[in-house]
Amino acid sequence: MTTLKTKHTLWIATLLFAFLSQWHVHGQKVNKKPSLNGKNIVFVYGGWKGHKPAESVDVFLPKLEAEGANVKVFNSLDAYTDKELMDDTDLIIQTWTMGDLSKEQLNGLKRAVLNGTGLAGWHGGLGDSFRNNIQYQFMVGGQFLSHPGGQTEHIVKITNKKDPITKGIKDFQLKTEQYYMLIDPNVQVLATTTFDRDSYKKKGEAGIENKITGSVIPVVWKKNYGKGRVFYSSIGHNMTDFNIPQVMKMQMRGLRWASEGKYMPAENTISPVYK
């Protein structure tokens, strides 16, 4: 039989645990909402210069630091082989289009994410990084195939309006590359786009067209990889894409979410298309 004294002791212990559990991220208070405050971020940039990797650092570094993040910037994939660095990292932001990932680099990256480090990025910097590395693509959840219309006007449809990353954001239109991608059918899709033009055939192109009109492709998704959280958006061919409020809002929310793999309860992000 539980006595009044026992109940009182349990009540105090519960309050103490709740209070102490607020303080466990590098000495910083953890909010109920995902936060970058006090988080250790590794920002890896490089690869094909057409996606402006260096400029992406200029765009995002001030925003990350303004939210209280501790950011280390690397122009080398060898950062992934530094076990001590990876163990102390809460979030990896990668913008590295095309290239090769060595076995040591891949293993270091996989180990970090499996153990709770988040991985996030956009466009080709995460979704078209290492075309010959299927283990990497499995971790990210998708791989670029084509952008049939080049930079074209298209609509991004928010398909999950309840998720904190997309909550309150309405469908929007923009002109940039519209990615056609191979997708893991179990990722949790937050936004999609439809290839709605009658034809995507290039001017003067001969022969029969491979019709894709009506095709729906995910634009924004999230998933787990081990204990780590992975966030991806295919928008971002131009750094000016992030001047669109909806694009930047989703990206920053996604970075915050992905940084919490070590500190927040695991989410079941498996959302199978085929049942």
C-alpha atoms as a PDB file:
ATOM      1  CA  MET A   1       0.000   0.000   0.000  1.00  0.00           C
ATOM      2  CA  THR A   2       1.414   3.384  -1.054  1.00  0.00           C
ATOM      3  CA  THR A   3       1.703   5.825   1.846  1.00  0.00           C
ATOM      4  CA  LEU A   4       1.249   9.582   1.630  1.00  0.00           C
ATOM      5  CA  LYS A   5       4.965  10.025   2.351  1.00  0.00           C
ATOM      6  CA  THR A   6       5.868   7.678  -0.529  1.00  0.00           C
ATOM      7  CA  LYS A   7       3.575   9.552  -2.906  1.00  0.00           C
ATOM      8  CA  HIS A   8       5.153  12.838  -1.851  1.00  0.00           C
ATOM      9  CA  THR A   9       8.658  11.444  -2.422  1.00  0.00           C
ATOM     10  CA  LEU A  10       7.701  10.167  -5.871  1.00  0.00           C
ATOM     11  CA  TRP A  11       6.170  13.537  -6.750  1.00  0.00           C
ATOM     12  CA  ILE A  12       9.363  15.385  -5.769  1.00  0.00           C
ATOM     13  CA  ALA A  13      11.513  12.894  -7.699  1.00  0.00           C
ATOM     14  CA  THR A  14       9.369  13.360 -10.805  1.00  0.00           C
ATOM     15  CA  LEU A  15       9.688  17.139 -10.610  1.00  0.00           C
ATOM     16  CA  LEU A  16      13.448  16.901 -10.100  1.00  0.00           C
ATOM     17  CA  PHE A  17      13.860  14.588 -13.075  1.00  0.00           C
ATOM     18  CA  ALA A  18      11.774  16.890 -15.282  1.00  0.00           C
ATOM     19  CA  PHE A  19      13.907  19.868 -14.230  1.00  0.00           C
ATOM     20  CA  LEU A  20      17.246  18.131 -14.731  1.00  0.00           C
ATOM     21  CA  SER A  21      16.221  16.648 -18.060  1.00  0.00           C
ATOM     22  CA  GLN A  22      15.973  20.175 -19.422  1.00  0.00           C
ATOM     23  CA  TRP A  23      19.780  20.522 -19.188  1.00  0.00           C
ATOM     24  CA  HIS A  24      21.739  18.024 -21.195  1.00  0.00           C
ATOM     25  CA  VAL A  25      22.947  19.514 -24.485  1.00  0.00           C
ATOM     26  CA  HIS A  26      26.489  20.838 -24.053  1.00  0.00           C
ATOM     27  CA  GLY A  27      25.413  22.746 -20.965  1.00  0.00           C
ATOM     28  CA  GLN A  28      22.473  24.368 -22.769  1.00  0.00           C
ATOM     29  CA  LYS A  29      18.785  24.139 -21.927  1.00  0.00           C
ATOM     30  CA  VAL A  30      16.808  21.887 -24.234  1.00  0.00           C
ATOM     31  CA  ASN A  31      13.509  23.357 -25.393  1.00  0.00           C
ATOM     32  CA  LYS A  32      10.413  21.296 -26.016  1.00  0.00           C
ATOM     33  CA  LYS A  33      10.664  22.405 -29.636  1.00  0.00           C
ATOM     34  CA  PRO A  34      13.722  21.462 -31.725  1.00  0.00           C
ATOM     35  CA  SER A  35      16.485  24.023 -31.300  1.00  0.00           C
ATOM     36  CA  LEU A  36      19.988  24.686 -32.606  1.00  0.00           C
ATOM     37  CA  ASN A  37      20.992  26.500 -29.430  1.00  0.00           C
ATOM     38  CA  GLY A  38      24.133  24.910 -28.020  1.00  0.00           C
ATOM     39  CA  LYS A  39      24.285  22.274 -30.755  1.00  0.00           C
ATOM     40  CA  ASN A  40      27.569  21.308 -32.408  1.00  0.00           C
ATOM     41  CA  ILE A  41      27.275  21.483 -36.193  1.00  0.00           C
ATOM     42  CA  VAL A  42      29.735  20.324 -38.840  1.00  0.00           C
ATOM     43  CA  PHE A  43      29.159  22.089 -42.181  1.00  0.00           C
ATOM     44  CA  VAL A  44      30.856  20.230 -45.047  1.00  0.00           C
ATOM     45  CA  TYR A  45      30.938  21.950 -48.438  1.00  0.00           C
ATOM     46  CA  GLY A  46      32.575  21.297 -51.797  1.00  0.00           C
ATOM     47  CA  GLY A  47      32.058  19.300 -54.984  1.00  0.00           C
ATOM     48  CA  TRP A  48      30.624  20.782 -58.168  1.00  0.00           C
ATOM     49  CA  LYS A  49      30.900  24.566 -58.023  1.00  0.00           C
ATOM     50  CA  GLY A  50      27.756  25.090 -60.080  1.00  0.00           C
ATOM     51  CA  HIS A  51      25.694  24.624 -56.915  1.00  0.00           C
ATOM     52  CA  LYS A  52      27.628  27.394 -55.144  1.00  0.00           C
ATOM     53  CA  PRO A  53      28.810  25.392 -52.105  1.00  0.00           C
ATOM     54  CA  ALA A  54      30.973  28.206 -50.714  1.00  0.00           C
ATOM     55  CA  GLU A  55      28.147  30.708 -51.116  1.00  0.00           C
ATOM     56  CA  SER A  56      25.838  28.372 -49.190  1.00  0.00           C
ATOM     57  CA  VAL A  57      28.136  28.707 -46.199  1.00  0.00           C
ATOM     58  CA  ASP A  58      27.826  32.494 -46.449  1.00  0.00           C
ATOM     59  CA  VAL A  59      24.027  32.214 -46.481  1.00  0.00           C
ATOM     60  CA  PHE A  60      23.551  29.717 -43.649  1.00  0.00           C
ATOM     61  CA  LEU A  61      26.457  30.235 -41.260  1.00  0.00           C
ATOM     62  CA  PRO A  62      25.143  33.551 -39.861  1.00  0.00           C
ATOM     63  CA  LYS A  63      21.680  32.038 -39.356  1.00  0.00           C
ATOM     64  CA  LEU A  64      23.044  28.993 -37.549  1.00  0.00           C
ATOM     65  CA  GLU A  65      25.260  31.077 -35.265  1.00  0.00           C
ATOM     66  CA  ALA A  66      22.428  33.525 -34.594  1.00  0.00           C
ATOM     67  CA  GLU A  67      20.455  30.592 -33.146  1.00  0.00           C
ATOM     68  CA  GLY A  68      23.307  29.704 -30.802  1.00  0.00           C
ATOM     69  CA  ALA A  69      24.891  26.831 -32.724  1.00  0.00           C
ATOM     70  CA  ASN A  70      28.605  26.032 -32.559  1.00  0.00           C
ATOM     71  CA  VAL A  71      29.569  25.588 -36.212  1.00  0.00           C
ATOM     72  CA  LYS A  72      32.757  24.108 -37.656  1.00  0.00           C
ATOM     73  CA  VAL A  73      33.169  24.462 -41.435  1.00  0.00           C
ATOM     74  CA  PHE A  74      35.147  21.973 -43.538  1.00  0.00           C
ATOM     75  CA  ASN A  75      36.020  21.971 -47.246  1.00  0.00           C
ATOM     76  CA  SER A  76      36.929  18.278 -47.096  1.00  0.00           C
ATOM     77  CA  LEU A  77      35.084  14.985 -46.717  1.00  0.00           C
ATOM     78  CA  ASP A  78      37.877  13.821 -44.433  1.00  0.00           C
ATOM     79  CA  ALA A  79      35.962  15.441 -41.563  1.00  0.00           C
ATOM     80  CA  TYR A  80      33.889  12.253 -41.549  1.00  0.00           C
ATOM     81  CA  THR A  81      36.955  10.172 -40.643  1.00  0.00           C
ATOM     82  CA  ASP A  82      37.609  12.141 -37.433  1.00  0.00           C
ATOM     83  CA  LYS A  83      35.885   9.948 -34.840  1.00  0.00           C
ATOM     84  CA  GLU A  84      36.309  12.426 -31.982  1.00  0.00           C
ATOM     85  CA  LEU A  85      34.809  15.213 -34.083  1.00  0.00           C
ATOM     86  CA  MET A  86      31.899  13.049 -35.241  1.00  0.00           C
ATOM     87  CA  ASP A  87      31.158  11.810 -31.727  1.00  0.00           C
ATOM     88  CA  ASP A  88      30.810  15.425 -30.569  1.00  0.00           C
ATOM     89  CA  THR A  89      28.630  16.476 -33.516  1.00  0.00           C
ATOM     90  CA  ASP A  90      24.864  16.883 -33.269  1.00  0.00           C
ATOM     91  CA  LEU A  91      24.215  17.779 -36.908  1.00  0.00           C
ATOM     92  CA  ILE A  92      26.057  17.449 -40.201  1.00  0.00           C
ATOM     93  CA  ILE A  93      25.028  19.854 -42.953  1.00  0.00           C
ATOM     94  CA  GLN A  94      26.429  18.704 -46.274  1.00  0.00           C
ATOM     95  CA  THR A  95      26.450  20.570 -49.576  1.00  0.00           C
ATOM     96  CA  TRP A  96      28.649  18.490 -51.864  1.00  0.00           C
ATOM     97  CA  THR A  97      27.341  17.791 -55.364  1.00  0.00           C
ATOM     98  CA  MET A  98      28.942  14.885 -57.230  1.00  0.00           C
ATOM     99  CA  GLY A  99      32.197  13.337 -56.178  1.00  0.00           C
ATOM    100  CA  ASP A 100      33.473  10.199 -54.512  1.00  0.00           C
ATOM    101  CA  LEU A 101      33.224   9.103 -50.917  1.00  0.00           C
ATOM    102  CA  SER A 102      36.032   6.813 -49.753  1.00  0.00           C
ATOM    103  CA  LYS A 103      35.295   3.730 -47.669  1.00  0.00           C
ATOM    104  CA  GLU A 104      36.777   5.431 -44.597  1.00  0.00           C
ATOM    105  CA  GLN A 105      34.727   8.576 -45.154  1.00  0.00           C
ATOM    106  CA  LEU A 106      31.518   6.605 -45.701  1.00  0.00           C
ATOM    107  CA  ASN A 107      32.069   4.473 -42.606  1.00  0.00           C
ATOM    108  CA  GLY A 108      32.748   7.535 -40.468  1.00  0.00           C
ATOM    109  CA  LEU A 109      29.611   9.275 -41.736  1.00  0.00           C
ATOM    110  CA  LYS A 110      27.433   6.184 -41.320  1.00  0.00           C
ATOM    111  CA  ARG A 111      28.718   5.524 -37.822  1.00  0.00           C
ATOM    112  CA  ALA A 112      27.984   9.086 -36.738  1.00  0.00           C
ATOM    113  CA  VAL A 113      24.423   9.101 -38.088  1.00  0.00           C
ATOM    114  CA  LEU A 114      23.632   5.617 -36.797  1.00  0.00           C
ATOM    115  CA  ASN A 115      24.643   6.833 -33.329  1.00  0.00           C
ATOM    116  CA  GLY A 116      22.396   9.896 -33.382  1.00  0.00           C
ATOM    117  CA  THR A 117      24.130  12.645 -35.345  1.00  0.00           C
ATOM    118  CA  GLY A 118      21.700  14.316 -37.725  1.00  0.00           C
ATOM    119  CA  LEU A 119      22.290  14.700 -41.460  1.00  0.00           C
ATOM    120  CA  ALA A 120      20.633  17.447 -43.481  1.00  0.00           C
ATOM    121  CA  GLY A 121      20.970  19.360 -46.706  1.00  0.00           C
ATOM    122  CA  TRP A 122      19.326  20.432 -49.938  1.00  0.00           C
ATOM    123  CA  HIS A 123      19.268  19.974 -53.698  1.00  0.00           C
ATOM    124  CA  GLY A 124      22.334  18.263 -55.221  1.00  0.00           C
ATOM    125  CA  GLY A 125      24.434  18.936 -52.142  1.00  0.00           C
ATOM    126  CA  LEU A 126      22.797  16.004 -50.356  1.00  0.00           C
ATOM    127  CA  GLY A 127      20.606  14.376 -53.022  1.00  0.00           C
ATOM    128  CA  ASP A 128      23.186  14.108 -55.816  1.00  0.00           C
ATOM    129  CA  SER A 129      26.442  13.761 -53.941  1.00  0.00           C
ATOM    130  CA  PHE A 130      27.929  10.351 -54.619  1.00  0.00           C
ATOM    131  CA  ARG A 131      26.210   8.713 -57.572  1.00  0.00           C
ATOM    132  CA  ASN A 132      28.084   5.424 -57.296  1.00  0.00           C
ATOM    133  CA  ASN A 133      27.499   4.940 -53.570  1.00  0.00           C
ATOM    134  CA  ILE A 134      24.256   3.102 -52.889  1.00  0.00           C
ATOM    135  CA  GLN A 135      24.914   2.872 -49.144  1.00  0.00           C
ATOM    136  CA  TYR A 136      25.015   6.666 -48.992  1.00  0.00           C
ATOM    137  CA  GLN A 137      21.814   6.928 -51.060  1.00  0.00           C
ATOM    138  CA  PHE A 138      20.074   4.466 -48.731  1.00  0.00           C
ATOM    139  CA  MET A 139      20.998   6.695 -45.792  1.00  0.00           C
ATOM    140  CA  VAL A 140      19.689   9.872 -47.478  1.00  0.00           C
ATOM    141  CA  GLY A 141      16.542   8.242 -48.851  1.00  0.00           C
ATOM    142  CA  GLY A 142      16.760   9.348 -52.461  1.00  0.00           C
ATOM    143  CA  GLN A 143      18.924  10.213 -55.468  1.00  0.00           C
ATOM    144  CA  PHE A 144      18.632  12.821 -58.226  1.00  0.00           C
ATOM    145  CA  LEU A 145      17.903  11.528 -61.730  1.00  0.00           C
ATOM    146  CA  SER A 146      17.011  14.527 -63.865  1.00  0.00           C
ATOM    147  CA  HIS A 147      15.524  18.023 -64.042  1.00  0.00           C
ATOM    148  CA  PRO A 148      13.566  17.695 -67.303  1.00  0.00           C
ATOM    149  CA  GLY A 149      12.327  21.281 -67.486  1.00  0.00           C
ATOM    150  CA  GLY A 150      15.562  22.881 -66.374  1.00  0.00           C
ATOM    151  CA  GLN A 151      14.734  25.928 -64.281  1.00  0.00           C
ATOM    152  CA  THR A 152      10.991  26.013 -64.613  1.00  0.00           C
ATOM    153  CA  GLU A 153       7.946  27.440 -62.849  1.00  0.00           C
ATOM    154  CA  HIS A 154       6.327  24.778 -60.708  1.00  0.00           C
ATOM    155  CA  ILE A 155       4.254  24.355 -57.568  1.00  0.00           C
ATOM    156  CA  VAL A 156       5.436  22.804 -54.310  1.00  0.00           C
ATOM    157  CA  LYS A 157       2.486  21.148 -52.567  1.00  0.00           C
ATOM    158  CA  ILE A 158       2.603  20.686 -48.800  1.00  0.00           C
ATOM    159  CA  THR A 159       1.288  17.162 -48.293  1.00  0.00           C
ATOM    160  CA  ASN A 160       1.814  16.900 -44.534  1.00  0.00           C
ATOM    161  CA  LYS A 161       0.298  19.986 -42.963  1.00  0.00           C
ATOM    162  CA  LYS A 162       0.565  18.722 -39.372  1.00  0.00           C
ATOM    163  CA  ASP A 163       4.282  18.077 -39.175  1.00  0.00           C
ATOM    164  CA  PRO A 164       6.143  20.847 -37.289  1.00  0.00           C
ATOM    165  CA  ILE A 165       8.482  21.331 -40.255  1.00  0.00           C
ATOM    166  CA  THR A 166       5.660  22.255 -42.621  1.00  0.00           C
ATOM    167  CA  LYS A 167       2.898  23.373 -40.247  1.00  0.00           C
ATOM    168  CA  GLY A 168       1.385  26.713 -41.293  1.00  0.00           C
ATOM    169  CA  ILE A 169       3.136  26.724 -44.686  1.00  0.00           C
ATOM    170  CA  LYS A 170       0.871  26.874 -47.723  1.00  0.00           C
ATOM    171  CA  ASP A 171       1.530  25.550 -51.227  1.00  0.00           C
ATOM    172  CA  PHE A 172       3.759  27.907 -53.191  1.00  0.00           C
ATOM    173  CA  GLN A 173       5.156  28.466 -56.663  1.00  0.00           C
ATOM    174  CA  LEU A 174       8.756  29.114 -57.628  1.00  0.00           C
ATOM    175  CA  LYS A 175      11.102  29.028 -60.596  1.00  0.00           C
ATOM    176  CA  THR A 176      14.107  26.771 -60.105  1.00  0.00           C
ATOM    177  CA  GLU A 177      15.174  23.255 -61.019  1.00  0.00           C
ATOM    178  CA  GLN A 178      12.383  20.730 -60.492  1.00  0.00           C
ATOM    179  CA  TYR A 179      14.074  17.500 -59.447  1.00  0.00           C
ATOM    180  CA  TYR A 180      12.919  14.116 -60.711  1.00  0.00           C
ATOM    181  CA  MET A 181      14.303  11.625 -58.178  1.00  0.00           C
ATOM    182  CA  LEU A 182      14.514   8.003 -57.152  1.00  0.00           C
ATOM    183  CA  ILE A 183      12.935   7.794 -53.689  1.00  0.00           C
ATOM    184  CA  ASP A 184      12.883   5.280 -50.858  1.00  0.00           C
ATOM    185  CA  PRO A 185       9.109   4.586 -50.707  1.00  0.00           C
ATOM    186  CA  ASN A 186       9.233   4.485 -46.902  1.00  0.00           C
ATOM    187  CA  VAL A 187      10.483   8.009 -46.158  1.00  0.00           C
ATOM    188  CA  GLN A 188       8.070  10.467 -44.563  1.00  0.00           C
ATOM    189  CA  VAL A 189       7.202  12.876 -47.365  1.00  0.00           C
ATOM    190  CA  LEU A 190       6.308  16.427 -46.353  1.00  0.00           C
ATOM    191  CA  ALA A 191       5.980  18.136 -49.750  1.00  0.00           C
ATOM    192  CA  THR A 192       5.706  17.094 -53.413  1.00  0.00           C
ATOM    193  CA  THR A 193       5.698  18.571 -56.903  1.00  0.00           C
ATOM    194  CA  THR A 194       3.824  17.533 -60.053  1.00  0.00           C
ATOM    195  CA  PHE A 195       5.325  17.604 -63.528  1.00  0.00           C
ATOM    196  CA  ASP A 196       2.288  19.205 -65.166  1.00  0.00           C
ATOM    197  CA  ARG A 197       3.629  20.566 -68.444  1.00  0.00           C
ATOM    198  CA  ASP A 198       2.280  18.938 -71.626  1.00  0.00           C
ATOM    199  CA  SER A 199       5.804  18.387 -72.847  1.00  0.00           C
ATOM    200  CA  TYR A 200       9.300  18.494 -71.416  1.00  0.00           C
ATOM    201  CA  LYS A 201      10.988  17.914 -74.744  1.00  0.00           C
ATOM    202  CA  LYS A 202      13.874  20.259 -75.402  1.00  0.00           C
ATOM    203  CA  LYS A 203      13.500  22.699 -78.290  1.00  0.00           C
ATOM    204  CA  GLY A 204      14.757  21.112 -81.485  1.00  0.00           C
ATOM    205  CA  GLU A 205      15.093  17.680 -79.884  1.00  0.00           C
ATOM    206  CA  ALA A 206      14.258  14.893 -82.339  1.00  0.00           C
ATOM    207  CA  GLY A 207      12.647  11.540 -81.660  1.00  0.00           C
ATOM    208  CA  ILE A 208       9.891  10.267 -79.387  1.00  0.00           C
ATOM    209  CA  GLU A 209       9.509  11.972 -76.017  1.00  0.00           C
ATOM    210  CA  ASN A 210       9.571  10.033 -72.772  1.00  0.00           C
ATOM    211  CA  LYS A 211       6.343  11.461 -71.323  1.00  0.00           C
ATOM    212  CA  ILE A 212       6.432  12.284 -67.619  1.00  0.00           C
ATOM    213  CA  THR A 213       3.403  14.594 -67.509  1.00  0.00           C
ATOM    214  CA  GLY A 214       1.394  13.862 -64.363  1.00  0.00           C
ATOM    215  CA  SER A 215       4.344  12.410 -62.447  1.00  0.00           C
ATOM    216  CA  VAL A 216       4.439  13.329 -58.744  1.00  0.00           C
ATOM    217  CA  ILE A 217       7.833  13.469 -57.016  1.00  0.00           C
ATOM    218  CA  PRO A 218       8.660  14.208 -53.351  1.00  0.00           C
ATOM    219  CA  VAL A 219      10.425  17.530 -52.714  1.00  0.00           C
ATOM    220  CA  VAL A 220      10.867  17.482 -48.922  1.00  0.00           C
ATOM    221  CA  TRP A 221      11.190  14.453 -46.670  1.00  0.00           C
ATOM    222  CA  LYS A 222      12.540  13.246 -43.361  1.00  0.00           C
ATOM    223  CA  LYS A 223      13.590   9.821 -42.136  1.00  0.00           C
ATOM    224  CA  ASN A 224      15.636   8.005 -39.525  1.00  0.00           C
ATOM    225  CA  TYR A 225      18.907   6.194 -40.059  1.00  0.00           C
ATOM    226  CA  GLY A 226      19.665   4.294 -36.891  1.00  0.00           C
ATOM    227  CA  LYS A 227      19.356   6.856 -34.094  1.00  0.00           C
ATOM    228  CA  GLY A 228      20.098   9.732 -36.477  1.00  0.00           C
ATOM    229  CA  ARG A 229      17.580  12.008 -38.165  1.00  0.00           C
ATOM    230  CA  VAL A 230      17.883  12.813 -41.872  1.00  0.00           C
ATOM    231  CA  PHE A 231      16.215  15.830 -43.506  1.00  0.00           C
ATOM    232  CA  TYR A 232      16.234  16.680 -47.217  1.00  0.00           C
ATOM    233  CA  SER A 233      14.760  19.304 -49.557  1.00  0.00           C
ATOM    234  CA  SER A 234      15.382  19.236 -53.304  1.00  0.00           C
ATOM    235  CA  ILE A 235      14.996  23.031 -53.552  1.00  0.00           C
ATOM    236  CA  GLY A 236      18.156  25.106 -53.666  1.00  0.00           C
ATOM    237  CA  HIS A 237      19.752  25.160 -57.116  1.00  0.00           C
ATOM    238  CA  ASN A 238      20.137  28.906 -56.658  1.00  0.00           C
ATOM    239  CA  MET A 239      20.976  30.483 -53.318  1.00  0.00           C
ATOM    240  CA  THR A 240      18.223  32.995 -54.147  1.00  0.00           C
ATOM    241  CA  ASP A 241      15.732  30.114 -53.754  1.00  0.00           C
ATOM    242  CA  PHE A 242      16.188  30.614 -50.015  1.00  0.00           C
ATOM    243  CA  ASN A 243      14.904  34.185 -50.317  1.00  0.00           C
ATOM    244  CA  ILE A 244      11.456  32.595 -50.637  1.00  0.00           C
ATOM    245  CA  PRO A 245      10.150  32.580 -47.036  1.00  0.00           C
ATOM    246  CA  GLN A 246       8.556  29.140 -47.269  1.00  0.00           C
ATOM    247  CA  VAL A 247      11.780  27.574 -48.554  1.00  0.00           C
ATOM    248  CA  MET A 248      13.982  29.028 -45.829  1.00  0.00           C
ATOM    249  CA  LYS A 249      11.428  28.293 -43.108  1.00  0.00           C
ATOM    250  CA  MET A 250      11.212  24.610 -44.055  1.00  0.00           C
ATOM    251  CA  GLN A 251      14.981  24.333 -44.344  1.00  0.00           C
ATOM    252  CA  MET A 252      15.706  25.870 -40.948  1.00  0.00           C
ATOM    253  CA  ARG A 253      12.966  23.846 -39.271  1.00  0.00           C
ATOM    254  CA  GLY A 254      14.401  20.721 -40.882  1.00  0.00           C
ATOM    255  CA  LEU A 255      17.888  21.514 -39.599  1.00  0.00           C
ATOM    256  CA  ARG A 256      16.553  22.010 -36.074  1.00  0.00           C
ATOM    257  CA  TRP A 257      14.613  18.739 -36.229  1.00  0.00           C
ATOM    258  CA  ALA A 258      17.586  16.774 -37.544  1.00  0.00           C
ATOM    259  CA  SER A 259      19.830  18.106 -34.754  1.00  0.00           C
ATOM    260  CA  GLU A 260      17.746  16.470 -32.015  1.00  0.00           C
ATOM    261  CA  GLY A 261      18.493  12.780 -32.626  1.00  0.00           C
ATOM    262  CA  LYS A 262      20.519  12.466 -29.417  1.00  0.00           C
ATOM    263  CA  TYR A 263      18.149  14.450 -27.225  1.00  0.00           C
ATOM    264  CA  MET A 264      14.527  13.892 -28.196  1.00  0.00           C
ATOM    265  CA  PRO A 265      12.480  10.693 -28.296  1.00  0.00           C
ATOM    266  CA  ALA A 266      12.760   8.732 -31.524  1.00  0.00           C
ATOM    267  CA  GLU A 267      10.037   9.294 -34.110  1.00  0.00           C
ATOM    268  CA  ASN A 268       8.662   6.537 -36.285  1.00  0.00           C
ATOM    269  CA  THR A 269       9.158   8.121 -39.698  1.00  0.00           C
ATOM    270  CA  ILE A 270       8.566   4.979 -41.747  1.00  0.00           C
ATOM    271  CA  SER A 271       5.646   5.848 -44.032  1.00  0.00           C
ATOM    272  CA  PRO A 272       5.257   3.055 -46.612  1.00  0.00           C
ATOM    273  CA  VAL A 273       3.630   3.897 -49.927  1.00  0.00           C
ATOM    274  CA  TYR A 274       2.949   0.256 -50.759  1.00  0.00           C
ATOM    275  CA  LYS A 275       0.766  -1.614 -48.292  1.00  0.00           C
END
